[in-house]
Amino acid sequence: MADNPVIARNPYFKPQTTPNMGERSSSYGRYAQNEWESPNDQWGNPYGVPASSPEYQRAQQEAYARAGYGYQAPAVTMTYDDAMIKTFILLGSAVAAGLLTVMLVPLTGLVAVAGISTIAAFVFGMIGSFQMMVKPWAAVGYAVLEGVALGALTGAIDTFYPGVALQAVLATAVVVAVAAGLHFSGKVRTTSKGNRVMMVMLLSAIVYSLINMVMNMFGSRGVDYAHIGGMPVGIVVGLVMIVVGAYMLIGDLEMVKFAVANRAPAEFAWTVAFGLVMTVLWIYVEVLHTLAIFASDNN
């Protein structure tokens, strides 16, 4: 999904590419003259297997090495299970950090802790977003800091609106499970047109958030609590953003498959997990925000 900064920049997430092999367009002139070219496939298919299969990709890599391009396939490549395990490690770290924050930080300090840890998490997120290969310390650091920030924010909101924290966790789990189920079932696939629509919605949401922030600075409750058809605008926008987040998560899971097909090295699983966790935590923020507006409007 192009909206995730980790995934959008990294060639391992692109379909039908192998980053270490270089651009096909620039090397085709030399490659097509080699003896392993077949009549039906200008890139060579000596084993007669589908181009998406691991055997075919290994054949391409071996052909490049024989042609003098110096490509060596990684000794150990990433698997889908690797990516999911690292993702659960990061999510577990975030949840643990959030729970400890709620238990150890007094109510009067939650807002300050949330602000400081949010800034620190943003810095770690930027570091990870601009790395081609996210280091484990950057991924874990981001997850822990986000966990502290969201734990403090959740604790503060739940103090005023008891029950919202549990509802937010359960609702996020349902959204993630539904998105993952749709991805694995094959019933929903992202498209370039859909990605453009999601981008427009995200930009609109940013503008909306800025307007809200400015109104809150001047003592107003913001656009969130204006009603349309008896429902606060903030709830409508929140529900739309949750759907956008689910769509982004489906796109992220698709990109993981591309990374596995492109034989990304095993350590790349941390990069995959980092991108997935960014999306999951963003979904949680939107769910928490929407539930908080709903609870406030009904009090």
C-alpha atoms as a PDB file:
ATOM      1  CA  MET A   1       0.000   0.000   0.000  1.00  0.00           C
ATOM      2  CA  ALA A   2       1.552   3.277  -1.078  1.00  0.00           C
ATOM      3  CA  ASP A   3       0.274   5.174   1.984  1.00  0.00           C
ATOM      4  CA  ASN A   4       2.479   3.282   4.439  1.00  0.00           C
ATOM      5  CA  PRO A   5       5.846   5.149   4.405  1.00  0.00           C
ATOM      6  CA  VAL A   6       7.823   2.000   5.216  1.00  0.00           C
ATOM      7  CA  ILE A   7       6.287  -0.035   2.423  1.00  0.00           C
ATOM      8  CA  ALA A   8       5.975   2.690  -0.205  1.00  0.00           C
ATOM      9  CA  ARG A   9       9.735   3.331  -0.452  1.00  0.00           C
ATOM     10  CA  ASN A  10      11.100  -0.195  -0.390  1.00  0.00           C
ATOM     11  CA  PRO A  11      11.654  -2.191  -3.604  1.00  0.00           C
ATOM     12  CA  TYR A  12      11.272  -5.516  -1.806  1.00  0.00           C
ATOM     13  CA  PHE A  13       7.560  -4.738  -1.548  1.00  0.00           C
ATOM     14  CA  LYS A  14       7.144  -4.233  -5.305  1.00  0.00           C
ATOM     15  CA  PRO A  15       5.491  -7.055  -7.276  1.00  0.00           C
ATOM     16  CA  GLN A  16       7.579  -8.902  -9.878  1.00  0.00           C
ATOM     17  CA  THR A  17      10.911  -7.396  -8.851  1.00  0.00           C
ATOM     18  CA  THR A  18      14.053  -8.590  -7.184  1.00  0.00           C
ATOM     19  CA  PRO A  19      15.913  -5.540  -5.843  1.00  0.00           C
ATOM     20  CA  ASN A  20      19.376  -7.072  -5.739  1.00  0.00           C
ATOM     21  CA  MET A  21      19.194  -8.016  -9.404  1.00  0.00           C
ATOM     22  CA  GLY A  22      18.977  -4.435 -10.678  1.00  0.00           C
ATOM     23  CA  GLU A  23      16.574  -2.947 -13.172  1.00  0.00           C
ATOM     24  CA  ARG A  24      15.563  -5.288 -15.958  1.00  0.00           C
ATOM     25  CA  SER A  25      15.174  -2.530 -18.493  1.00  0.00           C
ATOM     26  CA  SER A  26      18.816  -1.505 -18.203  1.00  0.00           C
ATOM     27  CA  SER A  27      20.287  -4.990 -18.311  1.00  0.00           C
ATOM     28  CA  TYR A  28      18.040  -6.704 -20.829  1.00  0.00           C
ATOM     29  CA  GLY A  29      20.376  -6.031 -23.742  1.00  0.00           C
ATOM     30  CA  ARG A  30      23.117  -8.201 -22.259  1.00  0.00           C
ATOM     31  CA  TYR A  31      20.832 -10.721 -20.602  1.00  0.00           C
ATOM     32  CA  ALA A  32      18.794 -11.643 -23.678  1.00  0.00           C
ATOM     33  CA  GLN A  33      21.919 -12.792 -25.545  1.00  0.00           C
ATOM     34  CA  ASN A  34      22.710 -15.576 -23.093  1.00  0.00           C
ATOM     35  CA  GLU A  35      22.094 -19.218 -23.809  1.00  0.00           C
ATOM     36  CA  TRP A  36      19.436 -19.746 -21.158  1.00  0.00           C
ATOM     37  CA  GLU A  37      16.908 -17.607 -22.997  1.00  0.00           C
ATOM     38  CA  SER A  38      13.839 -19.571 -24.035  1.00  0.00           C
ATOM     39  CA  PRO A  39      11.541 -18.869 -27.027  1.00  0.00           C
ATOM     40  CA  ASN A  40       8.513 -18.136 -24.831  1.00  0.00           C
ATOM     41  CA  ASP A  41      10.163 -16.113 -22.089  1.00  0.00           C
ATOM     42  CA  GLN A  42      12.753 -13.474 -22.853  1.00  0.00           C
ATOM     43  CA  TRP A  43      13.972 -13.635 -19.275  1.00  0.00           C
ATOM     44  CA  GLY A  44      14.664 -17.352 -19.370  1.00  0.00           C
ATOM     45  CA  ASN A  45      12.678 -20.195 -17.885  1.00  0.00           C
ATOM     46  CA  PRO A  46      14.971 -23.225 -18.057  1.00  0.00           C
ATOM     47  CA  TYR A  47      12.802 -25.370 -15.800  1.00  0.00           C
ATOM     48  CA  GLY A  48       9.485 -24.669 -17.525  1.00  0.00           C
ATOM     49  CA  VAL A  49       7.832 -23.540 -14.279  1.00  0.00           C
ATOM     50  CA  PRO A  50       5.591 -20.538 -13.546  1.00  0.00           C
ATOM     51  CA  ALA A  51       7.429 -17.228 -13.330  1.00  0.00           C
ATOM     52  CA  SER A  52       6.072 -16.633  -9.809  1.00  0.00           C
ATOM     53  CA  SER A  53       7.558 -19.847  -8.404  1.00  0.00           C
ATOM     54  CA  PRO A  54      10.696 -19.936  -6.216  1.00  0.00           C
ATOM     55  CA  GLU A  55      12.376 -22.293  -8.704  1.00  0.00           C
ATOM     56  CA  TYR A  56      11.980 -19.756 -11.504  1.00  0.00           C
ATOM     57  CA  GLN A  57      13.310 -16.922  -9.352  1.00  0.00           C
ATOM     58  CA  ARG A  58      16.344 -18.995  -8.353  1.00  0.00           C
ATOM     59  CA  ALA A  59      16.960 -19.729 -12.027  1.00  0.00           C
ATOM     60  CA  GLN A  60      16.917 -15.999 -12.767  1.00  0.00           C
ATOM     61  CA  GLN A  61      19.352 -15.314  -9.948  1.00  0.00           C
ATOM     62  CA  GLU A  62      21.735 -18.036 -11.130  1.00  0.00           C
ATOM     63  CA  ALA A  63      21.539 -16.665 -14.678  1.00  0.00           C
ATOM     64  CA  TYR A  64      22.462 -13.199 -13.463  1.00  0.00           C
ATOM     65  CA  ALA A  65      25.416 -14.584 -11.537  1.00  0.00           C
ATOM     66  CA  ARG A  66      26.682 -16.474 -14.609  1.00  0.00           C
ATOM     67  CA  ALA A  67      26.248 -13.324 -16.717  1.00  0.00           C
ATOM     68  CA  GLY A  68      28.674 -11.503 -14.461  1.00  0.00           C
ATOM     69  CA  TYR A  69      26.272  -9.265 -12.569  1.00  0.00           C
ATOM     70  CA  GLY A  70      27.656 -10.514  -9.297  1.00  0.00           C
ATOM     71  CA  TYR A  71      24.298 -11.204  -7.667  1.00  0.00           C
ATOM     72  CA  GLN A  72      24.303 -13.663  -4.806  1.00  0.00           C
ATOM     73  CA  ALA A  73      20.989 -14.739  -3.321  1.00  0.00           C
ATOM     74  CA  PRO A  74      20.685 -14.239   0.439  1.00  0.00           C
ATOM     75  CA  ALA A  75      21.749 -17.332   2.382  1.00  0.00           C
ATOM     76  CA  VAL A  76      18.522 -17.210   4.409  1.00  0.00           C
ATOM     77  CA  THR A  77      15.417 -15.496   3.068  1.00  0.00           C
ATOM     78  CA  MET A  78      12.378 -14.173   4.884  1.00  0.00           C
ATOM     79  CA  THR A  79       9.239 -16.256   5.216  1.00  0.00           C
ATOM     80  CA  TYR A  80       5.665 -15.185   5.900  1.00  0.00           C
ATOM     81  CA  ASP A  81       5.886 -16.813   9.327  1.00  0.00           C
ATOM     82  CA  ASP A  82       9.009 -14.747  10.111  1.00  0.00           C
ATOM     83  CA  ALA A  83       7.102 -11.546   9.391  1.00  0.00           C
ATOM     84  CA  MET A  84       4.094 -12.543  11.496  1.00  0.00           C
ATOM     85  CA  ILE A  85       6.247 -13.604  14.466  1.00  0.00           C
ATOM     86  CA  LYS A  86       8.126 -10.296  14.444  1.00  0.00           C
ATOM     87  CA  THR A  87       4.806  -8.455  14.142  1.00  0.00           C
ATOM     88  CA  PHE A  88       3.423 -10.212  17.220  1.00  0.00           C
ATOM     89  CA  ILE A  89       6.632  -9.429  19.111  1.00  0.00           C
ATOM     90  CA  LEU A  90       6.239  -5.714  18.360  1.00  0.00           C
ATOM     91  CA  LEU A  91       2.515  -5.692  19.147  1.00  0.00           C
ATOM     92  CA  GLY A  92       3.195  -7.545  22.390  1.00  0.00           C
ATOM     93  CA  SER A  93       5.850  -4.983  23.295  1.00  0.00           C
ATOM     94  CA  ALA A  94       3.419  -2.132  22.632  1.00  0.00           C
ATOM     95  CA  VAL A  95       0.648  -3.728  24.706  1.00  0.00           C
ATOM     96  CA  ALA A  96       3.014  -4.511  27.600  1.00  0.00           C
ATOM     97  CA  ALA A  97       4.393  -0.948  27.569  1.00  0.00           C
ATOM     98  CA  GLY A  98       0.863   0.453  27.549  1.00  0.00           C
ATOM     99  CA  LEU A  99      -0.276  -1.683  30.474  1.00  0.00           C
ATOM    100  CA  LEU A 100       2.799  -0.797  32.553  1.00  0.00           C
ATOM    101  CA  THR A 101       2.226   2.889  31.834  1.00  0.00           C
ATOM    102  CA  VAL A 102      -1.353   2.741  33.077  1.00  0.00           C
ATOM    103  CA  MET A 103      -0.337   0.829  36.211  1.00  0.00           C
ATOM    104  CA  LEU A 104       2.753   2.892  37.144  1.00  0.00           C
ATOM    105  CA  VAL A 105       2.016   6.460  36.029  1.00  0.00           C
ATOM    106  CA  PRO A 106      -0.364   8.501  38.224  1.00  0.00           C
ATOM    107  CA  LEU A 107      -3.406  10.044  36.606  1.00  0.00           C
ATOM    108  CA  THR A 108      -1.965  13.559  36.892  1.00  0.00           C
ATOM    109  CA  GLY A 109       1.067  12.538  34.825  1.00  0.00           C
ATOM    110  CA  LEU A 110      -0.651  10.606  32.041  1.00  0.00           C
ATOM    111  CA  VAL A 111      -1.130  13.565  29.710  1.00  0.00           C
ATOM    112  CA  ALA A 112       2.512  14.665  30.029  1.00  0.00           C
ATOM    113  CA  VAL A 113       3.781  11.116  29.485  1.00  0.00           C
ATOM    114  CA  ALA A 114       1.529  10.744  26.444  1.00  0.00           C
ATOM    115  CA  GLY A 115       2.877  13.962  24.897  1.00  0.00           C
ATOM    116  CA  ILE A 116       6.560  13.200  25.488  1.00  0.00           C
ATOM    117  CA  SER A 117       6.364   9.577  24.367  1.00  0.00           C
ATOM    118  CA  THR A 118       4.373  10.567  21.259  1.00  0.00           C
ATOM    119  CA  ILE A 119       7.169  12.886  20.166  1.00  0.00           C
ATOM    120  CA  ALA A 120       9.792  10.208  20.863  1.00  0.00           C
ATOM    121  CA  ALA A 121       7.769   7.587  18.979  1.00  0.00           C
ATOM    122  CA  PHE A 122       7.449   9.977  16.036  1.00  0.00           C
ATOM    123  CA  VAL A 123      11.254  10.322  15.917  1.00  0.00           C
ATOM    124  CA  PHE A 124      11.716   6.550  15.958  1.00  0.00           C
ATOM    125  CA  GLY A 125       9.017   6.207  13.319  1.00  0.00           C
ATOM    126  CA  MET A 126      10.821   8.654  11.027  1.00  0.00           C
ATOM    127  CA  ILE A 127      14.107   6.816  11.551  1.00  0.00           C
ATOM    128  CA  GLY A 128      12.490   3.516  10.600  1.00  0.00           C
ATOM    129  CA  SER A 129      10.577   4.995   7.668  1.00  0.00           C
ATOM    130  CA  PHE A 130      13.768   6.212   5.984  1.00  0.00           C
ATOM    131  CA  GLN A 131      15.690   2.964   6.442  1.00  0.00           C
ATOM    132  CA  MET A 132      15.709   0.390   3.670  1.00  0.00           C
ATOM    133  CA  MET A 133      16.209  -2.263   6.357  1.00  0.00           C
ATOM    134  CA  VAL A 134      14.708  -1.344   9.723  1.00  0.00           C
ATOM    135  CA  LYS A 135      16.974  -2.361  12.593  1.00  0.00           C
ATOM    136  CA  PRO A 136      15.409  -4.415  15.410  1.00  0.00           C
ATOM    137  CA  TRP A 137      16.200  -1.728  18.002  1.00  0.00           C
ATOM    138  CA  ALA A 138      14.365   0.901  15.938  1.00  0.00           C
ATOM    139  CA  ALA A 139      11.317  -1.337  15.476  1.00  0.00           C
ATOM    140  CA  VAL A 140      11.142  -2.358  19.141  1.00  0.00           C
ATOM    141  CA  GLY A 141      11.844   1.205  20.311  1.00  0.00           C
ATOM    142  CA  TYR A 142       9.003   2.539  18.170  1.00  0.00           C
ATOM    143  CA  ALA A 143       6.583  -0.137  19.421  1.00  0.00           C
ATOM    144  CA  VAL A 144       7.454   0.481  23.083  1.00  0.00           C
ATOM    145  CA  LEU A 145       7.206   4.272  22.806  1.00  0.00           C
ATOM    146  CA  GLU A 146       3.915   4.061  20.927  1.00  0.00           C
ATOM    147  CA  GLY A 147       2.691   1.650  23.571  1.00  0.00           C
ATOM    148  CA  VAL A 148       3.578   4.126  26.314  1.00  0.00           C
ATOM    149  CA  ALA A 149       1.883   6.993  24.451  1.00  0.00           C
ATOM    150  CA  LEU A 150      -1.285   5.078  23.653  1.00  0.00           C
ATOM    151  CA  GLY A 151      -1.384   3.501  27.119  1.00  0.00           C
ATOM    152  CA  ALA A 152      -1.217   6.933  28.755  1.00  0.00           C
ATOM    153  CA  LEU A 153      -3.818   8.366  26.374  1.00  0.00           C
ATOM    154  CA  THR A 154      -6.121   5.379  26.853  1.00  0.00           C
ATOM    155  CA  GLY A 155      -5.764   5.541  30.622  1.00  0.00           C
ATOM    156  CA  ALA A 156      -6.662   9.225  30.674  1.00  0.00           C
ATOM    157  CA  ILE A 157      -9.723   8.737  28.446  1.00  0.00           C
ATOM    158  CA  ASP A 158     -10.903   5.670  30.357  1.00  0.00           C
ATOM    159  CA  THR A 159     -10.810   7.662  33.590  1.00  0.00           C
ATOM    160  CA  PHE A 160     -13.457  10.020  32.227  1.00  0.00           C
ATOM    161  CA  TYR A 161     -15.354   7.398  30.223  1.00  0.00           C
ATOM    162  CA  PRO A 162     -14.992   4.011  31.977  1.00  0.00           C
ATOM    163  CA  GLY A 163     -15.095   1.034  29.636  1.00  0.00           C
ATOM    164  CA  VAL A 164     -13.793   2.845  26.560  1.00  0.00           C
ATOM    165  CA  ALA A 165     -10.327   1.246  26.862  1.00  0.00           C
ATOM    166  CA  LEU A 166     -11.640  -2.324  26.722  1.00  0.00           C
ATOM    167  CA  GLN A 167     -14.026  -1.433  23.901  1.00  0.00           C
ATOM    168  CA  ALA A 168     -11.186   0.118  21.885  1.00  0.00           C
ATOM    169  CA  VAL A 169      -8.955  -2.944  22.274  1.00  0.00           C
ATOM    170  CA  LEU A 170     -11.732  -5.366  21.328  1.00  0.00           C
ATOM    171  CA  ALA A 171     -12.927  -3.249  18.390  1.00  0.00           C
ATOM    172  CA  THR A 172      -9.377  -2.931  17.036  1.00  0.00           C
ATOM    173  CA  ALA A 173      -8.905  -6.686  17.306  1.00  0.00           C
ATOM    174  CA  VAL A 174     -12.129  -7.211  15.337  1.00  0.00           C
ATOM    175  CA  VAL A 175     -11.112  -4.737  12.604  1.00  0.00           C
ATOM    176  CA  VAL A 176      -7.668  -6.335  12.247  1.00  0.00           C
ATOM    177  CA  ALA A 177      -9.151  -9.842  12.205  1.00  0.00           C
ATOM    178  CA  VAL A 178     -11.706  -8.882   9.531  1.00  0.00           C
ATOM    179  CA  ALA A 179      -9.040  -7.213   7.365  1.00  0.00           C
ATOM    180  CA  ALA A 180      -6.737 -10.216   7.685  1.00  0.00           C
ATOM    181  CA  GLY A 181      -9.610 -12.593   6.937  1.00  0.00           C
ATOM    182  CA  LEU A 182     -10.564 -10.675   3.802  1.00  0.00           C
ATOM    183  CA  HIS A 183      -6.926 -10.695   2.676  1.00  0.00           C
ATOM    184  CA  PHE A 184      -6.419 -14.425   3.182  1.00  0.00           C
ATOM    185  CA  SER A 185      -9.784 -15.267   1.627  1.00  0.00           C
ATOM    186  CA  GLY A 186      -8.827 -13.386  -1.526  1.00  0.00           C
ATOM    187  CA  LYS A 187     -12.202 -11.629  -1.615  1.00  0.00           C
ATOM    188  CA  VAL A 188     -10.670  -8.134  -1.267  1.00  0.00           C
ATOM    189  CA  ARG A 189      -7.597  -6.891  -3.121  1.00  0.00           C
ATOM    190  CA  THR A 190      -6.209  -3.390  -3.264  1.00  0.00           C
ATOM    191  CA  THR A 191      -6.084  -1.581  -6.604  1.00  0.00           C
ATOM    192  CA  SER A 192      -4.305   1.514  -7.874  1.00  0.00           C
ATOM    193  CA  LYS A 193      -7.646   3.332  -8.114  1.00  0.00           C
ATOM    194  CA  GLY A 194      -8.560   2.282  -4.590  1.00  0.00           C
ATOM    195  CA  ASN A 195      -5.175   3.474  -3.332  1.00  0.00           C
ATOM    196  CA  ARG A 196      -5.749   6.890  -4.881  1.00  0.00           C
ATOM    197  CA  VAL A 197      -9.167   7.139  -3.228  1.00  0.00           C
ATOM    198  CA  MET A 198      -7.650   6.190   0.125  1.00  0.00           C
ATOM    199  CA  MET A 199      -4.954   8.826  -0.310  1.00  0.00           C
ATOM    200  CA  VAL A 200      -7.582  11.514  -0.924  1.00  0.00           C
ATOM    201  CA  MET A 201      -9.433  10.408   2.204  1.00  0.00           C
ATOM    202  CA  LEU A 202      -6.237  10.503   4.272  1.00  0.00           C
ATOM    203  CA  LEU A 203      -5.349  13.994   3.088  1.00  0.00           C
ATOM    204  CA  SER A 204      -8.893  15.129   3.832  1.00  0.00           C
ATOM    205  CA  ALA A 205      -8.627  13.635   7.322  1.00  0.00           C
ATOM    206  CA  ILE A 206      -5.377  15.539   7.930  1.00  0.00           C
ATOM    207  CA  VAL A 207      -7.026  18.820   6.958  1.00  0.00           C
ATOM    208  CA  TYR A 208     -10.013  17.948   9.161  1.00  0.00           C
ATOM    209  CA  SER A 209      -7.701  17.215  12.119  1.00  0.00           C
ATOM    210  CA  LEU A 210      -5.872  20.521  11.671  1.00  0.00           C
ATOM    211  CA  ILE A 211      -9.170  22.415  11.686  1.00  0.00           C
ATOM    212  CA  ASN A 212     -10.198  20.602  14.861  1.00  0.00           C
ATOM    213  CA  MET A 213      -6.861  21.374  16.518  1.00  0.00           C
ATOM    214  CA  VAL A 214      -7.102  25.092  15.746  1.00  0.00           C
ATOM    215  CA  MET A 215     -10.701  25.252  17.026  1.00  0.00           C
ATOM    216  CA  ASN A 216      -9.717  23.457  20.243  1.00  0.00           C
ATOM    217  CA  MET A 217      -6.880  25.944  20.777  1.00  0.00           C
ATOM    218  CA  PHE A 218      -9.456  28.738  20.835  1.00  0.00           C
ATOM    219  CA  GLY A 219     -11.725  26.987  23.311  1.00  0.00           C
ATOM    220  CA  SER A 220     -14.162  25.364  20.889  1.00  0.00           C
ATOM    221  CA  ARG A 221     -15.091  21.668  20.940  1.00  0.00           C
ATOM    222  CA  GLY A 222     -14.193  21.434  17.271  1.00  0.00           C
ATOM    223  CA  VAL A 223     -16.004  19.966  14.289  1.00  0.00           C
ATOM    224  CA  ASP A 224     -16.093  16.521  15.922  1.00  0.00           C
ATOM    225  CA  TYR A 225     -19.173  17.377  17.949  1.00  0.00           C
ATOM    226  CA  ALA A 226     -21.178  19.100  15.238  1.00  0.00           C
ATOM    227  CA  HIS A 227     -24.167  16.928  14.363  1.00  0.00           C
ATOM    228  CA  ILE A 228     -25.289  15.683  10.968  1.00  0.00           C
ATOM    229  CA  GLY A 229     -28.529  13.738  10.983  1.00  0.00           C
ATOM    230  CA  GLY A 230     -28.298  13.351  14.745  1.00  0.00           C
ATOM    231  CA  MET A 231     -24.769  11.887  14.685  1.00  0.00           C
ATOM    232  CA  PRO A 232     -21.545  13.739  15.568  1.00  0.00           C
ATOM    233  CA  VAL A 233     -19.322  14.450  12.574  1.00  0.00           C
ATOM    234  CA  GLY A 234     -16.352  12.995  14.449  1.00  0.00           C
ATOM    235  CA  ILE A 235     -17.989   9.572  14.621  1.00  0.00           C
ATOM    236  CA  VAL A 236     -18.734   9.572  10.889  1.00  0.00           C
ATOM    237  CA  VAL A 237     -15.172  10.610  10.053  1.00  0.00           C
ATOM    238  CA  GLY A 238     -13.785   8.090  12.537  1.00  0.00           C
ATOM    239  CA  LEU A 239     -15.725   5.203  11.008  1.00  0.00           C
ATOM    240  CA  VAL A 240     -14.506   6.183   7.542  1.00  0.00           C
ATOM    241  CA  MET A 241     -10.901   6.305   8.770  1.00  0.00           C
ATOM    242  CA  ILE A 242     -11.244   2.881  10.385  1.00  0.00           C
ATOM    243  CA  VAL A 243     -12.330   1.466   7.024  1.00  0.00           C
ATOM    244  CA  VAL A 244      -9.378   3.229   5.383  1.00  0.00           C
ATOM    245  CA  GLY A 245      -7.060   1.716   7.991  1.00  0.00           C
ATOM    246  CA  ALA A 246      -8.445  -1.768   7.326  1.00  0.00           C
ATOM    247  CA  TYR A 247      -7.903  -1.280   3.587  1.00  0.00           C
ATOM    248  CA  MET A 248      -4.337  -0.150   4.231  1.00  0.00           C
ATOM    249  CA  LEU A 249      -3.733  -3.235   6.375  1.00  0.00           C
ATOM    250  CA  ILE A 250      -4.925  -5.477   3.537  1.00  0.00           C
ATOM    251  CA  GLY A 251      -2.488  -3.684   1.234  1.00  0.00           C
ATOM    252  CA  ASP A 252       0.332  -4.131   3.761  1.00  0.00           C
ATOM    253  CA  LEU A 253      -0.323  -7.876   3.942  1.00  0.00           C
ATOM    254  CA  GLU A 254      -0.233  -8.064   0.144  1.00  0.00           C
ATOM    255  CA  MET A 255       3.154  -6.340   0.147  1.00  0.00           C
ATOM    256  CA  VAL A 256       4.462  -8.907   2.633  1.00  0.00           C
ATOM    257  CA  LYS A 257       3.745 -11.607   0.078  1.00  0.00           C
ATOM    258  CA  PHE A 258       5.662  -9.638  -2.540  1.00  0.00           C
ATOM    259  CA  ALA A 259       8.628  -9.340  -0.176  1.00  0.00           C
ATOM    260  CA  VAL A 260       8.624 -13.108   0.379  1.00  0.00           C
ATOM    261  CA  ALA A 261       8.353 -13.741  -3.380  1.00  0.00           C
ATOM    262  CA  ASN A 262      11.251 -11.331  -3.975  1.00  0.00           C
ATOM    263  CA  ARG A 263      13.389 -13.397  -1.592  1.00  0.00           C
ATOM    264  CA  ALA A 264      14.058 -10.608   0.878  1.00  0.00           C
ATOM    265  CA  PRO A 265      16.707 -11.508   3.481  1.00  0.00           C
ATOM    266  CA  ALA A 266      15.540 -12.931   6.810  1.00  0.00           C
ATOM    267  CA  GLU A 267      16.312  -9.746   8.761  1.00  0.00           C
ATOM    268  CA  PHE A 268      13.865  -7.892   6.507  1.00  0.00           C
ATOM    269  CA  ALA A 269      11.088  -9.383   8.656  1.00  0.00           C
ATOM    270  CA  TRP A 270      11.649  -6.527  11.127  1.00  0.00           C
ATOM    271  CA  THR A 271      10.926  -4.013   8.367  1.00  0.00           C
ATOM    272  CA  VAL A 272       7.723  -5.846   7.466  1.00  0.00           C
ATOM    273  CA  ALA A 273       6.646  -6.036  11.110  1.00  0.00           C
ATOM    274  CA  PHE A 274       7.422  -2.354  11.613  1.00  0.00           C
ATOM    275  CA  GLY A 275       5.144  -1.348   8.730  1.00  0.00           C
ATOM    276  CA  LEU A 276       2.311  -3.628   9.853  1.00  0.00           C
ATOM    277  CA  VAL A 277       2.450  -2.400  13.447  1.00  0.00           C
ATOM    278  CA  MET A 278       2.318   1.225  12.305  1.00  0.00           C
ATOM    279  CA  THR A 279      -0.966   0.490  10.537  1.00  0.00           C
ATOM    280  CA  VAL A 280      -2.466  -1.555  13.394  1.00  0.00           C
ATOM    281  CA  LEU A 281      -1.671   1.118  15.999  1.00  0.00           C
ATOM    282  CA  TRP A 282      -3.093   3.800  13.720  1.00  0.00           C
ATOM    283  CA  ILE A 283      -6.341   1.796  13.504  1.00  0.00           C
ATOM    284  CA  TYR A 284      -6.380   1.666  17.317  1.00  0.00           C
ATOM    285  CA  VAL A 285      -5.990   5.447  17.550  1.00  0.00           C
ATOM    286  CA  GLU A 286      -8.946   5.967  15.198  1.00  0.00           C
ATOM    287  CA  VAL A 287     -11.077   3.464  17.113  1.00  0.00           C
ATOM    288  CA  LEU A 288     -10.212   5.053  20.467  1.00  0.00           C
ATOM    289  CA  HIS A 289     -10.933   8.549  19.154  1.00  0.00           C
ATOM    290  CA  THR A 290     -14.292   7.491  17.715  1.00  0.00           C
ATOM    291  CA  LEU A 291     -15.377   5.737  20.912  1.00  0.00           C
ATOM    292  CA  ALA A 292     -14.327   8.708  23.028  1.00  0.00           C
ATOM    293  CA  ILE A 293     -16.491  11.045  20.930  1.00  0.00           C
ATOM    294  CA  PHE A 294     -19.407   8.631  21.175  1.00  0.00           C
ATOM    295  CA  ALA A 295     -19.048   8.384  24.970  1.00  0.00           C
ATOM    296  CA  SER A 296     -18.724  12.151  25.368  1.00  0.00           C
ATOM    297  CA  ASP A 297     -21.752  12.841  23.185  1.00  0.00           C
ATOM    298  CA  ASN A 298     -23.884  10.520  25.265  1.00  0.00           C
ATOM    299  CA  ASN A 299     -22.920  12.038  28.634  1.00  0.00           C
END
